[in-house]
Amino acid sequence: MSNGGLQTLRTSTPEEGYALAVNLAQKAIELTQPSEDIRKLLRPVYSTDANSLIAVSQVVALHFQTVAFANNYWNN
C-alpha cells in the first residue's frame, strides 16, 4: 500500500473490509512515525493503556465506516 499502492476501497465481504480498515490504520501510523525503532519503543506504553486502545478502536471503526460506504454496505 505504500507509495500509492492502495488501488481501491472495494472489498468482497465485510470481513475483507474490516481487514482493510485495520491496514489503513496501521499504515497511517507508519507514515506518521516512520521509525520502526520508535514505534517498538512506544508499543509497551500504549498497548497497556485503555484509552489508547479505545482510540485505536475508534480509528479502525472510522476507516471501516469509510470502506463500508465505498462498498455500498455490501448490498449490490
PDB file of N, CA and C in Angstrom:
ATOM      1  N   MET A   1       0.813  -1.195   0.000  1.00  0.00           N
ATOM      2  CA  MET A   1       0.000   0.000   0.000  1.00  0.00           C
ATOM      3  C   MET A   1       0.858   1.260   0.000  1.00  0.00           C
ATOM      4  N   SER A   2       2.137   1.159   0.239  1.00  0.00           N
ATOM      5  CA  SER A   2       2.985   2.333   0.249  1.00  0.00           C
ATOM      6  C   SER A   2       3.114   2.920  -1.154  1.00  0.00           C
ATOM      7  N   ASN A   3       3.374   4.221  -1.197  1.00  0.00           N
ATOM      8  CA  ASN A   3       3.559   4.922  -2.459  1.00  0.00           C
ATOM      9  C   ASN A   3       2.393   4.733  -3.426  1.00  0.00           C
ATOM     10  N   GLY A   4       1.205   4.907  -2.932  1.00  0.00           N
ATOM     11  CA  GLY A   4       0.051   4.829  -3.808  1.00  0.00           C
ATOM     12  C   GLY A   4      -0.408   3.419  -4.102  1.00  0.00           C
ATOM     13  N   GLY A   5       0.004   2.442  -3.311  1.00  0.00           N
ATOM     14  CA  GLY A   5      -0.356   1.058  -3.553  1.00  0.00           C
ATOM     15  C   GLY A   5      -1.825   0.755  -3.338  1.00  0.00           C
ATOM     16  N   LEU A   6      -2.530   1.609  -2.639  1.00  0.00           N
ATOM     17  CA  LEU A   6      -3.957   1.404  -2.412  1.00  0.00           C
ATOM     18  C   LEU A   6      -4.694   1.707  -3.713  1.00  0.00           C
ATOM     19  N   GLN A   7      -5.270   0.680  -4.284  1.00  0.00           N
ATOM     20  CA  GLN A   7      -5.936   0.819  -5.568  1.00  0.00           C
ATOM     21  C   GLN A   7      -7.431   1.097  -5.431  1.00  0.00           C
ATOM     22  N   THR A   8      -8.035   0.545  -4.378  1.00  0.00           N
ATOM     23  CA  THR A   8      -9.482   0.654  -4.229  1.00  0.00           C
ATOM     24  C   THR A   8      -9.873   0.391  -2.783  1.00  0.00           C
ATOM     25  N   LEU A   9     -11.027   0.884  -2.413  1.00  0.00           N
ATOM     26  CA  LEU A   9     -11.615   0.554  -1.118  1.00  0.00           C
ATOM     27  C   LEU A   9     -12.646  -0.559  -1.260  1.00  0.00           C
ATOM     28  N   ARG A  10     -12.834  -1.053  -2.469  1.00  0.00           N
ATOM     29  CA  ARG A  10     -13.818  -2.103  -2.721  1.00  0.00           C
ATOM     30  C   ARG A  10     -13.299  -3.434  -2.197  1.00  0.00           C
ATOM     31  N   THR A  11     -14.150  -4.154  -1.488  1.00  0.00           N
ATOM     32  CA  THR A  11     -13.828  -5.484  -0.988  1.00  0.00           C
ATOM     33  C   THR A  11     -15.024  -6.388  -1.240  1.00  0.00           C
ATOM     34  N   SER A  12     -14.787  -7.687  -1.203  1.00  0.00           N
ATOM     35  CA  SER A  12     -15.861  -8.638  -1.496  1.00  0.00           C
ATOM     36  C   SER A  12     -16.777  -8.893  -0.308  1.00  0.00           C
ATOM     37  N   THR A  13     -16.236  -8.770   0.892  1.00  0.00           N
ATOM     38  CA  THR A  13     -17.003  -9.101   2.090  1.00  0.00           C
ATOM     39  C   THR A  13     -16.745  -8.081   3.188  1.00  0.00           C
ATOM     40  N   PRO A  14     -17.620  -8.002   4.161  1.00  0.00           N
ATOM     41  CA  PRO A  14     -17.357  -7.143   5.315  1.00  0.00           C
ATOM     42  C   PRO A  14     -16.065  -7.534   6.044  1.00  0.00           C
ATOM     43  N   GLU A  15     -15.754  -8.815   6.100  1.00  0.00           N
ATOM     44  CA  GLU A  15     -14.529  -9.258   6.764  1.00  0.00           C
ATOM     45  C   GLU A  15     -13.300  -8.688   6.063  1.00  0.00           C
ATOM     46  N   GLU A  16     -13.299  -8.726   4.733  1.00  0.00           N
ATOM     47  CA  GLU A  16     -12.200  -8.129   3.978  1.00  0.00           C
ATOM     48  C   GLU A  16     -12.165  -6.619   4.191  1.00  0.00           C
ATOM     49  N   GLY A  17     -13.330  -6.022   4.293  1.00  0.00           N
ATOM     50  CA  GLY A  17     -13.412  -4.586   4.548  1.00  0.00           C
ATOM     51  C   GLY A  17     -12.830  -4.216   5.894  1.00  0.00           C
ATOM     52  N   TYR A  18     -13.104  -5.038   6.897  1.00  0.00           N
ATOM     53  CA  TYR A  18     -12.556  -4.769   8.220  1.00  0.00           C
ATOM     54  C   TYR A  18     -11.036  -4.918   8.209  1.00  0.00           C
ATOM     55  N   ALA A  19     -10.541  -5.952   7.523  1.00  0.00           N
ATOM     56  CA  ALA A  19      -9.091  -6.138   7.416  1.00  0.00           C
ATOM     57  C   ALA A  19      -8.449  -4.935   6.723  1.00  0.00           C
ATOM     58  N   LEU A  20      -9.112  -4.403   5.714  1.00  0.00           N
ATOM     59  CA  LEU A  20      -8.616  -3.218   5.029  1.00  0.00           C
ATOM     60  C   LEU A  20      -8.611  -2.021   5.985  1.00  0.00           C
ATOM     61  N   ALA A  21      -9.645  -1.874   6.783  1.00  0.00           N
ATOM     62  CA  ALA A  21      -9.709  -0.777   7.746  1.00  0.00           C
ATOM     63  C   ALA A  21      -8.555  -0.846   8.740  1.00  0.00           C
ATOM     64  N   VAL A  22      -8.258  -2.033   9.225  1.00  0.00           N
ATOM     65  CA  VAL A  22      -7.132  -2.215  10.148  1.00  0.00           C
ATOM     66  C   VAL A  22      -5.829  -1.852   9.441  1.00  0.00           C
ATOM     67  N   ASN A  23      -5.687  -2.298   8.198  1.00  0.00           N
ATOM     68  CA  ASN A  23      -4.475  -2.000   7.433  1.00  0.00           C
ATOM     69  C   ASN A  23      -4.315  -0.501   7.220  1.00  0.00           C
ATOM     70  N   LEU A  24      -5.402   0.192   6.931  1.00  0.00           N
ATOM     71  CA  LEU A  24      -5.346   1.641   6.761  1.00  0.00           C
ATOM     72  C   LEU A  24      -4.866   2.324   8.034  1.00  0.00           C
ATOM     73  N   ALA A  25      -5.358   1.870   9.186  1.00  0.00           N
ATOM     74  CA  ALA A  25      -4.931   2.450  10.463  1.00  0.00           C
ATOM     75  C   ALA A  25      -3.450   2.189  10.702  1.00  0.00           C
ATOM     76  N   GLN A  26      -3.000   0.972  10.415  1.00  0.00           N
ATOM     77  CA  GLN A  26      -1.586   0.638  10.603  1.00  0.00           C
ATOM     78  C   GLN A  26      -0.697   1.476   9.695  1.00  0.00           C
ATOM     79  N   LYS A  27      -1.098   1.627   8.453  1.00  0.00           N
ATOM     80  CA  LYS A  27      -0.290   2.400   7.512  1.00  0.00           C
ATOM     81  C   LYS A  27      -0.229   3.867   7.912  1.00  0.00           C
ATOM     82  N   ALA A  28      -1.299   4.392   8.472  1.00  0.00           N
ATOM     83  CA  ALA A  28      -1.288   5.786   8.922  1.00  0.00           C
ATOM     84  C   ALA A  28      -0.247   5.972  10.029  1.00  0.00           C
ATOM     85  N   ILE A  29      -0.156   4.997  10.929  1.00  0.00           N
ATOM     86  CA  ILE A  29       0.847   5.072  11.998  1.00  0.00           C
ATOM     87  C   ILE A  29       2.250   5.012  11.403  1.00  0.00           C
ATOM     88  N   GLU A  30       2.471   4.120  10.451  1.00  0.00           N
ATOM     89  CA  GLU A  30       3.787   4.004   9.825  1.00  0.00           C
ATOM     90  C   GLU A  30       4.186   5.293   9.114  1.00  0.00           C
ATOM     91  N   LEU A  31       3.222   5.951   8.481  1.00  0.00           N
ATOM     92  CA  LEU A  31       3.526   7.205   7.803  1.00  0.00           C
ATOM     93  C   LEU A  31       3.761   8.342   8.790  1.00  0.00           C
ATOM     94  N   THR A  32       3.008   8.317   9.891  1.00  0.00           N
ATOM     95  CA  THR A  32       3.146   9.363  10.901  1.00  0.00           C
ATOM     96  C   THR A  32       4.459   9.214  11.666  1.00  0.00           C
ATOM     97  N   GLN A  33       4.821   7.970  11.995  1.00  0.00           N
ATOM     98  CA  GLN A  33       6.077   7.693  12.707  1.00  0.00           C
ATOM     99  C   GLN A  33       6.836   6.637  11.906  1.00  0.00           C
ATOM    100  N   PRO A  34       7.672   7.071  10.967  1.00  0.00           N
ATOM    101  CA  PRO A  34       8.347   6.121  10.086  1.00  0.00           C
ATOM    102  C   PRO A  34       9.420   5.262  10.763  1.00  0.00           C
ATOM    103  N   SER A  35       9.874   5.647  11.942  1.00  0.00           N
ATOM    104  CA  SER A  35      10.917   4.879  12.616  1.00  0.00           C
ATOM    105  C   SER A  35      10.331   3.653  13.318  1.00  0.00           C
ATOM    106  N   GLU A  36      10.691   2.475  12.822  1.00  0.00           N
ATOM    107  CA  GLU A  36      10.226   1.245  13.451  1.00  0.00           C
ATOM    108  C   GLU A  36      10.756   1.129  14.876  1.00  0.00           C
ATOM    109  N   ASP A  37      11.981   1.607  15.108  1.00  0.00           N
ATOM    110  CA  ASP A  37      12.562   1.551  16.453  1.00  0.00           C
ATOM    111  C   ASP A  37      11.735   2.364  17.451  1.00  0.00           C
ATOM    112  N   ILE A  38      11.301   3.543  17.045  1.00  0.00           N
ATOM    113  CA  ILE A  38      10.487   4.379  17.942  1.00  0.00           C
ATOM    114  C   ILE A  38       9.126   3.742  18.163  1.00  0.00           C
ATOM    115  N   ARG A  39       8.526   3.195  17.099  1.00  0.00           N
ATOM    116  CA  ARG A  39       7.228   2.516  17.270  1.00  0.00           C
ATOM    117  C   ARG A  39       7.351   1.359  18.246  1.00  0.00           C
ATOM    118  N   LYS A  40       8.425   0.587  18.145  1.00  0.00           N
ATOM    119  CA  LYS A  40       8.635  -0.523  19.080  1.00  0.00           C
ATOM    120  C   LYS A  40       8.835  -0.024  20.504  1.00  0.00           C
ATOM    121  N   LEU A  41       9.503   1.117  20.648  1.00  0.00           N
ATOM    122  CA  LEU A  41       9.722   1.706  21.966  1.00  0.00           C
ATOM    123  C   LEU A  41       8.403   2.168  22.596  1.00  0.00           C
ATOM    124  N   LEU A  42       7.514   2.699  21.776  1.00  0.00           N
ATOM    125  CA  LEU A  42       6.244   3.230  22.273  1.00  0.00           C
ATOM    126  C   LEU A  42       5.185   2.154  22.511  1.00  0.00           C
ATOM    127  N   ARG A  43       5.300   1.037  21.820  1.00  0.00           N
ATOM    128  CA  ARG A  43       4.263  -0.001  21.904  1.00  0.00           C
ATOM    129  C   ARG A  43       3.949  -0.442  23.335  1.00  0.00           C
ATOM    130  N   PRO A  44       4.942  -0.718  24.205  1.00  0.00           N
ATOM    131  CA  PRO A  44       4.600  -1.141  25.570  1.00  0.00           C
ATOM    132  C   PRO A  44       3.780  -0.103  26.337  1.00  0.00           C
ATOM    133  N   VAL A  45       3.946   1.154  25.984  1.00  0.00           N
ATOM    134  CA  VAL A  45       3.206   2.219  26.666  1.00  0.00           C
ATOM    135  C   VAL A  45       1.735   2.198  26.255  1.00  0.00           C
ATOM    136  N   TYR A  46       1.467   2.263  24.949  1.00  0.00           N
ATOM    137  CA  TYR A  46       0.068   2.354  24.521  1.00  0.00           C
ATOM    138  C   TYR A  46      -0.658   1.020  24.551  1.00  0.00           C
ATOM    139  N   SER A  47       0.074  -0.078  24.495  1.00  0.00           N
ATOM    140  CA  SER A  47      -0.604  -1.380  24.460  1.00  0.00           C
ATOM    141  C   SER A  47      -1.201  -1.773  25.807  1.00  0.00           C
ATOM    142  N   THR A  48      -0.844  -1.050  26.838  1.00  0.00           N
ATOM    143  CA  THR A  48      -1.401  -1.334  28.164  1.00  0.00           C
ATOM    144  C   THR A  48      -2.260  -0.190  28.680  1.00  0.00           C
ATOM    145  N   ASP A  49      -2.530   0.785  27.824  1.00  0.00           N
ATOM    146  CA  ASP A  49      -3.332   1.945  28.214  1.00  0.00           C
ATOM    147  C   ASP A  49      -4.730   1.828  27.604  1.00  0.00           C
ATOM    148  N   ALA A  50      -5.721   1.712  28.457  1.00  0.00           N
ATOM    149  CA  ALA A  50      -7.097   1.518  27.979  1.00  0.00           C
ATOM    150  C   ALA A  50      -7.546   2.638  27.045  1.00  0.00           C
ATOM    151  N   ASN A  51      -7.210   3.872  27.353  1.00  0.00           N
ATOM    152  CA  ASN A  51      -7.635   4.986  26.499  1.00  0.00           C
ATOM    153  C   ASN A  51      -6.991   4.913  25.123  1.00  0.00           C
ATOM    154  N   SER A  52      -5.738   4.506  25.062  1.00  0.00           N
ATOM    155  CA  SER A  52      -5.072   4.346  23.768  1.00  0.00           C
ATOM    156  C   SER A  52      -5.722   3.234  22.958  1.00  0.00           C
ATOM    157  N   LEU A  53      -6.063   2.140  23.601  1.00  0.00           N
ATOM    158  CA  LEU A  53      -6.699   1.027  22.903  1.00  0.00           C
ATOM    159  C   LEU A  53      -8.086   1.411  22.400  1.00  0.00           C
ATOM    160  N   ILE A  54      -8.818   2.178  23.182  1.00  0.00           N
ATOM    161  CA  ILE A  54     -10.125   2.660  22.737  1.00  0.00           C
ATOM    162  C   ILE A  54      -9.960   3.594  21.539  1.00  0.00           C
ATOM    163  N   ALA A  55      -8.948   4.446  21.571  1.00  0.00           N
ATOM    164  CA  ALA A  55      -8.696   5.361  20.457  1.00  0.00           C
ATOM    165  C   ALA A  55      -8.381   4.588  19.180  1.00  0.00           C
ATOM    166  N   VAL A  56      -7.592   3.529  19.297  1.00  0.00           N
ATOM    167  CA  VAL A  56      -7.289   2.685  18.127  1.00  0.00           C
ATOM    168  C   VAL A  56      -8.574   2.085  17.568  1.00  0.00           C
ATOM    169  N   SER A  57      -9.415   1.601  18.458  1.00  0.00           N
ATOM    170  CA  SER A  57     -10.686   1.016  18.033  1.00  0.00           C
ATOM    171  C   SER A  57     -11.531   2.046  17.285  1.00  0.00           C
ATOM    172  N   GLN A  58     -11.531   3.277  17.756  1.00  0.00           N
ATOM    173  CA  GLN A  58     -12.309   4.327  17.112  1.00  0.00           C
ATOM    174  C   GLN A  58     -11.770   4.647  15.718  1.00  0.00           C
ATOM    175  N   VAL A  59     -10.455   4.672  15.578  1.00  0.00           N
ATOM    176  CA  VAL A  59      -9.850   4.944  14.270  1.00  0.00           C
ATOM    177  C   VAL A  59     -10.197   3.834  13.284  1.00  0.00           C
ATOM    178  N   VAL A  60     -10.077   2.584  13.718  1.00  0.00           N
ATOM    179  CA  VAL A  60     -10.421   1.461  12.842  1.00  0.00           C
ATOM    180  C   VAL A  60     -11.902   1.526  12.468  1.00  0.00           C
ATOM    181  N   ALA A  61     -12.753   1.862  13.433  1.00  0.00           N
ATOM    182  CA  ALA A  61     -14.186   1.957  13.146  1.00  0.00           C
ATOM    183  C   ALA A  61     -14.470   3.034  12.104  1.00  0.00           C
ATOM    184  N   LEU A  62     -13.781   4.146  12.185  1.00  0.00           N
ATOM    185  CA  LEU A  62     -13.980   5.207  11.196  1.00  0.00           C
ATOM    186  C   LEU A  62     -13.527   4.753   9.812  1.00  0.00           C
ATOM    187  N   HIS A  63     -12.374   4.073   9.745  1.00  0.00           N
ATOM    188  CA  HIS A  63     -11.920   3.532   8.466  1.00  0.00           C
ATOM    189  C   HIS A  63     -12.911   2.489   7.938  1.00  0.00           C
ATOM    190  N   PHE A  64     -13.432   1.645   8.820  1.00  0.00           N
ATOM    191  CA  PHE A  64     -14.388   0.626   8.398  1.00  0.00           C
ATOM    192  C   PHE A  64     -15.659   1.281   7.867  1.00  0.00           C
ATOM    193  N   GLN A  65     -16.093   2.351   8.490  1.00  0.00           N
ATOM    194  CA  GLN A  65     -17.264   3.079   8.008  1.00  0.00           C
ATOM    195  C   GLN A  65     -17.018   3.585   6.585  1.00  0.00           C
ATOM    196  N   THR A  66     -15.830   4.102   6.335  1.00  0.00           N
ATOM    197  CA  THR A  66     -15.483   4.597   5.005  1.00  0.00           C
ATOM    198  C   THR A  66     -15.469   3.461   3.981  1.00  0.00           C
ATOM    199  N   VAL A  67     -14.857   2.332   4.354  1.00  0.00           N
ATOM    200  CA  VAL A  67     -14.800   1.181   3.456  1.00  0.00           C
ATOM    201  C   VAL A  67     -16.215   0.650   3.185  1.00  0.00           C
ATOM    202  N   ALA A  68     -17.027   0.570   4.229  1.00  0.00           N
ATOM    203  CA  ALA A  68     -18.401   0.082   4.058  1.00  0.00           C
ATOM    204  C   ALA A  68     -19.184   0.987   3.111  1.00  0.00           C
ATOM    205  N   PHE A  69     -19.028   2.289   3.256  1.00  0.00           N
ATOM    206  CA  PHE A  69     -19.710   3.224   2.371  1.00  0.00           C
ATOM    207  C   PHE A  69     -19.234   3.032   0.934  1.00  0.00           C
ATOM    208  N   ALA A  70     -17.926   2.851   0.736  1.00  0.00           N
ATOM    209  CA  ALA A  70     -17.378   2.644  -0.598  1.00  0.00           C
ATOM    210  C   ALA A  70     -17.907   1.357  -1.230  1.00  0.00           C
ATOM    211  N   ASN A  71     -18.282   0.421  -0.399  1.00  0.00           N
ATOM    212  CA  ASN A  71     -18.802  -0.860  -0.881  1.00  0.00           C
ATOM    213  C   ASN A  71     -20.322  -0.904  -0.875  1.00  0.00           C
ATOM    214  N   ASN A  72     -20.943   0.258  -0.752  1.00  0.00           N
ATOM    215  CA  ASN A  72     -22.390   0.342  -0.711  1.00  0.00           C
ATOM    216  C   ASN A  72     -22.948  -0.625   0.324  1.00  0.00           C
ATOM    217  N   TYR A  73     -22.204  -0.702   1.433  1.00  0.00           N
ATOM    218  CA  TYR A  73     -22.582  -1.579   2.547  1.00  0.00           C
ATOM    219  C   TYR A  73     -22.802  -3.025   2.106  1.00  0.00           C
ATOM    220  N   TRP A  74     -22.080  -3.428   1.053  1.00  0.00           N
ATOM    221  CA  TRP A  74     -22.094  -4.790   0.511  1.00  0.00           C
ATOM    222  C   TRP A  74     -23.487  -5.212   0.058  1.00  0.00           C
ATOM    223  N   ASN A  75     -24.320  -4.249  -0.288  1.00  0.00           N
ATOM    224  CA  ASN A  75     -25.658  -4.530  -0.827  1.00  0.00           C
ATOM    225  C   ASN A  75     -25.690  -4.095  -2.279  1.00  0.00           C
ATOM    226  N   ASN A  76     -25.293  -4.942  -3.151  1.00  0.00           N
ATOM    227  CA  ASN A  76     -25.291  -4.598  -4.585  1.00  0.00           C
ATOM    228  C   ASN A  76     -26.582  -5.009  -5.250  1.00  0.00           C
TER     229      ASN A  76
END
